Amino acid sequence: MYDMFVRVKGIVKKDDKYLVLKRWMDDRIPDPFVWEFIDGELVKGESPDEAVLRLVDEALGVAADIDRIVYTWSNMLGDTQCIGIAYLLKVEADDSHFTLAEEFGEWEWIEREQFDYYIENRYVLKDLEGAQL
């Protein structure tokens, strides 16, 4: 028997742009921030839909609406399996209402063609190639 956990990713879209956040990772490295979409793990008893909406609220301080699931993934981290669900989300609030959580330094609205410039995780970029955003 092995351990398993579920991770969700929230890809927020507004018009033809996508929200990326600069998350603090580790102050022991030269550039401690990494651009990424909103993501995190489920807590016990929480559904994936509830989790992704909670994570957006925690990251931005605003509510979101789920549009649809755009892709799923699975990978092994040692003897632990990670199952992931990526959602396309909409936020109605103007970004002047965003209140970033402490772990985030800033946000940007980017075009799909800019994913390669901002997103460093090659696995996420590979998953996004076939995603219908």
C-alpha atoms as a PDB file:
ATOM      1  CA  MET A   1       0.000   0.000   0.000  1.00  0.00           C
ATOM      2  CA  TYR A   2       1.244   3.478  -0.797  1.00  0.00           C
ATOM      3  CA  ASP A   3       0.185   7.007   0.033  1.00  0.00           C
ATOM      4  CA  MET A   4      -1.767   9.227  -2.310  1.00  0.00           C
ATOM      5  CA  PHE A   5      -2.848  12.851  -2.290  1.00  0.00           C
ATOM      6  CA  VAL A   6      -4.905  15.102  -4.569  1.00  0.00           C
ATOM      7  CA  ARG A   7      -3.719  18.474  -5.828  1.00  0.00           C
ATOM      8  CA  VAL A   8      -5.800  21.051  -7.712  1.00  0.00           C
ATOM      9  CA  LYS A   9      -4.688  23.841 -10.005  1.00  0.00           C
ATOM     10  CA  GLY A  10      -6.750  26.966 -10.687  1.00  0.00           C
ATOM     11  CA  ILE A  11      -6.105  28.622 -14.035  1.00  0.00           C
ATOM     12  CA  VAL A  12      -7.925  31.950 -13.846  1.00  0.00           C
ATOM     13  CA  LYS A  13      -8.926  33.392 -17.213  1.00  0.00           C
ATOM     14  CA  LYS A  14     -10.271  36.859 -17.939  1.00  0.00           C
ATOM     15  CA  ASP A  15     -11.001  37.754 -21.543  1.00  0.00           C
ATOM     16  CA  ASP A  16      -8.001  36.266 -23.400  1.00  0.00           C
ATOM     17  CA  LYS A  17      -5.513  36.509 -20.519  1.00  0.00           C
ATOM     18  CA  TYR A  18      -4.486  34.168 -17.727  1.00  0.00           C
ATOM     19  CA  LEU A  19      -3.497  35.020 -14.180  1.00  0.00           C
ATOM     20  CA  VAL A  20      -0.083  33.965 -12.900  1.00  0.00           C
ATOM     21  CA  LEU A  21       1.183  34.645  -9.397  1.00  0.00           C
ATOM     22  CA  LYS A  22       4.735  35.031  -8.204  1.00  0.00           C
ATOM     23  CA  ARG A  23       5.006  32.681  -5.209  1.00  0.00           C
ATOM     24  CA  TRP A  24       7.801  32.806  -2.657  1.00  0.00           C
ATOM     25  CA  MET A  25       9.577  29.457  -2.578  1.00  0.00           C
ATOM     26  CA  ASP A  26      12.843  29.708  -0.639  1.00  0.00           C
ATOM     27  CA  ASP A  27      14.918  32.704   0.438  1.00  0.00           C
ATOM     28  CA  ARG A  28      18.126  30.632   0.330  1.00  0.00           C
ATOM     29  CA  ILE A  29      18.222  30.748  -3.475  1.00  0.00           C
ATOM     30  CA  PRO A  30      19.094  33.739  -5.705  1.00  0.00           C
ATOM     31  CA  ASP A  31      15.553  34.167  -7.080  1.00  0.00           C
ATOM     32  CA  PRO A  32      13.173  32.916  -4.379  1.00  0.00           C
ATOM     33  CA  PHE A  33       9.997  33.608  -6.380  1.00  0.00           C
ATOM     34  CA  VAL A  34       8.454  31.397  -9.065  1.00  0.00           C
ATOM     35  CA  TRP A  35       5.593  32.287 -11.419  1.00  0.00           C
ATOM     36  CA  GLU A  36       2.735  29.803 -11.323  1.00  0.00           C
ATOM     37  CA  PHE A  37      -0.999  29.302 -11.352  1.00  0.00           C
ATOM     38  CA  ILE A  38      -2.936  28.947  -8.104  1.00  0.00           C
ATOM     39  CA  ASP A  39      -2.573  25.425  -6.749  1.00  0.00           C
ATOM     40  CA  GLY A  40      -2.604  23.362  -3.608  1.00  0.00           C
ATOM     41  CA  GLU A  41      -3.746  20.174  -1.910  1.00  0.00           C
ATOM     42  CA  LEU A  42      -7.156  19.103  -0.726  1.00  0.00           C
ATOM     43  CA  VAL A  43      -7.778  18.980   2.982  1.00  0.00           C
ATOM     44  CA  LYS A  44      -9.555  16.003   4.542  1.00  0.00           C
ATOM     45  CA  GLY A  45     -13.263  15.943   3.694  1.00  0.00           C
ATOM     46  CA  GLU A  46     -12.966  18.583   0.947  1.00  0.00           C
ATOM     47  CA  SER A  47     -14.017  17.996  -2.650  1.00  0.00           C
ATOM     48  CA  PRO A  48     -11.687  19.074  -5.491  1.00  0.00           C
ATOM     49  CA  ASP A  49     -14.203  21.769  -6.520  1.00  0.00           C
ATOM     50  CA  GLU A  50     -14.320  23.156  -2.966  1.00  0.00           C
ATOM     51  CA  ALA A  51     -10.528  23.068  -2.743  1.00  0.00           C
ATOM     52  CA  VAL A  52      -9.837  25.047  -5.896  1.00  0.00           C
ATOM     53  CA  LEU A  53     -12.381  27.722  -4.919  1.00  0.00           C
ATOM     54  CA  ARG A  54     -10.887  27.915  -1.409  1.00  0.00           C
ATOM     55  CA  LEU A  55      -7.375  28.281  -2.821  1.00  0.00           C
ATOM     56  CA  VAL A  56      -8.405  31.172  -5.081  1.00  0.00           C
ATOM     57  CA  ASP A  57     -10.069  32.917  -2.149  1.00  0.00           C
ATOM     58  CA  GLU A  58      -6.982  32.378   0.029  1.00  0.00           C
ATOM     59  CA  ALA A  59      -4.582  33.561  -2.693  1.00  0.00           C
ATOM     60  CA  LEU A  60      -6.530  36.560  -3.997  1.00  0.00           C
ATOM     61  CA  GLY A  61      -9.215  37.379  -1.444  1.00  0.00           C
ATOM     62  CA  VAL A  62     -11.965  37.092  -4.078  1.00  0.00           C
ATOM     63  CA  ALA A  63     -14.487  34.466  -5.118  1.00  0.00           C
ATOM     64  CA  ALA A  64     -14.171  32.490  -8.345  1.00  0.00           C
ATOM     65  CA  ASP A  65     -16.491  30.415 -10.505  1.00  0.00           C
ATOM     66  CA  ILE A  66     -15.537  27.099 -12.051  1.00  0.00           C
ATOM     67  CA  ASP A  67     -15.790  27.027 -15.836  1.00  0.00           C
ATOM     68  CA  ARG A  68     -14.570  23.453 -16.375  1.00  0.00           C
ATOM     69  CA  ILE A  69     -11.822  20.918 -15.783  1.00  0.00           C
ATOM     70  CA  VAL A  70      -9.147  21.336 -18.470  1.00  0.00           C
ATOM     71  CA  TYR A  71      -6.800  18.434 -17.709  1.00  0.00           C
ATOM     72  CA  THR A  72      -5.743  15.926 -15.088  1.00  0.00           C
ATOM     73  CA  TRP A  73      -2.349  14.505 -14.194  1.00  0.00           C
ATOM     74  CA  SER A  74      -0.735  11.838 -12.081  1.00  0.00           C
ATOM     75  CA  ASN A  75       2.834  11.316 -10.983  1.00  0.00           C
ATOM     76  CA  MET A  76       4.818   9.442  -8.384  1.00  0.00           C
ATOM     77  CA  LEU A  77       6.895  11.229  -5.764  1.00  0.00           C
ATOM     78  CA  GLY A  78       8.886   8.372  -4.300  1.00  0.00           C
ATOM     79  CA  ASP A  79       6.242   5.911  -3.132  1.00  0.00           C
ATOM     80  CA  THR A  80       3.510   8.579  -2.964  1.00  0.00           C
ATOM     81  CA  GLN A  81       1.138   9.175  -5.857  1.00  0.00           C
ATOM     82  CA  CYS A  82      -0.067  12.691  -6.674  1.00  0.00           C
ATOM     83  CA  ILE A  83      -3.350  12.960  -8.576  1.00  0.00           C
ATOM     84  CA  GLY A  84      -4.030  16.406 -10.017  1.00  0.00           C
ATOM     85  CA  ILE A  85      -7.006  18.227 -11.493  1.00  0.00           C
ATOM     86  CA  ALA A  86      -6.586  21.537 -13.351  1.00  0.00           C
ATOM     87  CA  TYR A  87      -9.601  23.845 -13.504  1.00  0.00           C
ATOM     88  CA  LEU A  88     -10.340  26.819 -15.716  1.00  0.00           C
ATOM     89  CA  LEU A  89     -11.839  29.525 -13.508  1.00  0.00           C
ATOM     90  CA  LYS A  90     -13.404  32.957 -13.871  1.00  0.00           C
ATOM     91  CA  VAL A  91     -13.323  35.808 -11.379  1.00  0.00           C
ATOM     92  CA  GLU A  92     -15.837  38.617 -11.643  1.00  0.00           C
ATOM     93  CA  ALA A  93     -14.018  40.959  -9.278  1.00  0.00           C
ATOM     94  CA  ASP A  94     -11.765  43.570 -10.778  1.00  0.00           C
ATOM     95  CA  ASP A  95      -8.150  42.863  -9.867  1.00  0.00           C
ATOM     96  CA  SER A  96      -8.064  46.093  -7.857  1.00  0.00           C
ATOM     97  CA  HIS A  97      -9.983  43.998  -5.296  1.00  0.00           C
ATOM     98  CA  PHE A  98      -7.242  41.353  -5.105  1.00  0.00           C
ATOM     99  CA  THR A  99      -5.621  40.991  -1.697  1.00  0.00           C
ATOM    100  CA  LEU A 100      -2.635  38.727  -2.252  1.00  0.00           C
ATOM    101  CA  ALA A 101      -1.760  36.179   0.390  1.00  0.00           C
ATOM    102  CA  GLU A 102       1.606  36.744   2.051  1.00  0.00           C
ATOM    103  CA  GLU A 103       3.346  33.990   0.051  1.00  0.00           C
ATOM    104  CA  PHE A 104       2.754  35.840  -3.228  1.00  0.00           C
ATOM    105  CA  GLY A 105       4.777  38.818  -4.397  1.00  0.00           C
ATOM    106  CA  GLU A 106       2.751  39.980  -7.385  1.00  0.00           C
ATOM    107  CA  TRP A 107       0.463  38.905 -10.199  1.00  0.00           C
ATOM    108  CA  GLU A 108       0.342  39.365 -13.955  1.00  0.00           C
ATOM    109  CA  TRP A 109      -2.296  38.802 -16.619  1.00  0.00           C
ATOM    110  CA  ILE A 110      -0.539  37.059 -19.499  1.00  0.00           C
ATOM    111  CA  GLU A 111      -1.439  35.674 -22.909  1.00  0.00           C
ATOM    112  CA  ARG A 112      -1.215  31.973 -23.645  1.00  0.00           C
ATOM    113  CA  GLU A 113       1.819  32.583 -25.859  1.00  0.00           C
ATOM    114  CA  GLN A 114       3.675  33.856 -22.765  1.00  0.00           C
ATOM    115  CA  PHE A 115       3.315  30.634 -20.728  1.00  0.00           C
ATOM    116  CA  ASP A 116       6.816  29.487 -21.740  1.00  0.00           C
ATOM    117  CA  TYR A 117       8.293  32.771 -20.510  1.00  0.00           C
ATOM    118  CA  TYR A 118       6.593  32.745 -17.103  1.00  0.00           C
ATOM    119  CA  ILE A 119       5.994  29.095 -16.177  1.00  0.00           C
ATOM    120  CA  GLU A 120       9.241  27.254 -15.405  1.00  0.00           C
ATOM    121  CA  ASN A 121       7.790  23.839 -14.571  1.00  0.00           C
ATOM    122  CA  ARG A 122       8.220  21.827 -17.777  1.00  0.00           C
ATOM    123  CA  TYR A 123       5.604  19.285 -16.683  1.00  0.00           C
ATOM    124  CA  VAL A 124       2.971  21.999 -16.346  1.00  0.00           C
ATOM    125  CA  LEU A 125       3.958  23.409 -19.743  1.00  0.00           C
ATOM    126  CA  LYS A 126       3.621  19.936 -21.304  1.00  0.00           C
ATOM    127  CA  ASP A 127       0.152  19.501 -19.753  1.00  0.00           C
ATOM    128  CA  LEU A 128      -0.904  22.925 -21.065  1.00  0.00           C
ATOM    129  CA  GLU A 129       0.052  22.046 -24.659  1.00  0.00           C
ATOM    130  CA  GLY A 130      -3.085  20.010 -25.226  1.00  0.00           C
ATOM    131  CA  ALA A 131      -5.380  21.860 -22.854  1.00  0.00           C
ATOM    132  CA  GLN A 132      -8.418  23.574 -24.291  1.00  0.00           C
ATOM    133  CA  LEU A 133      -8.182  26.935 -22.568  1.00  0.00           C
END
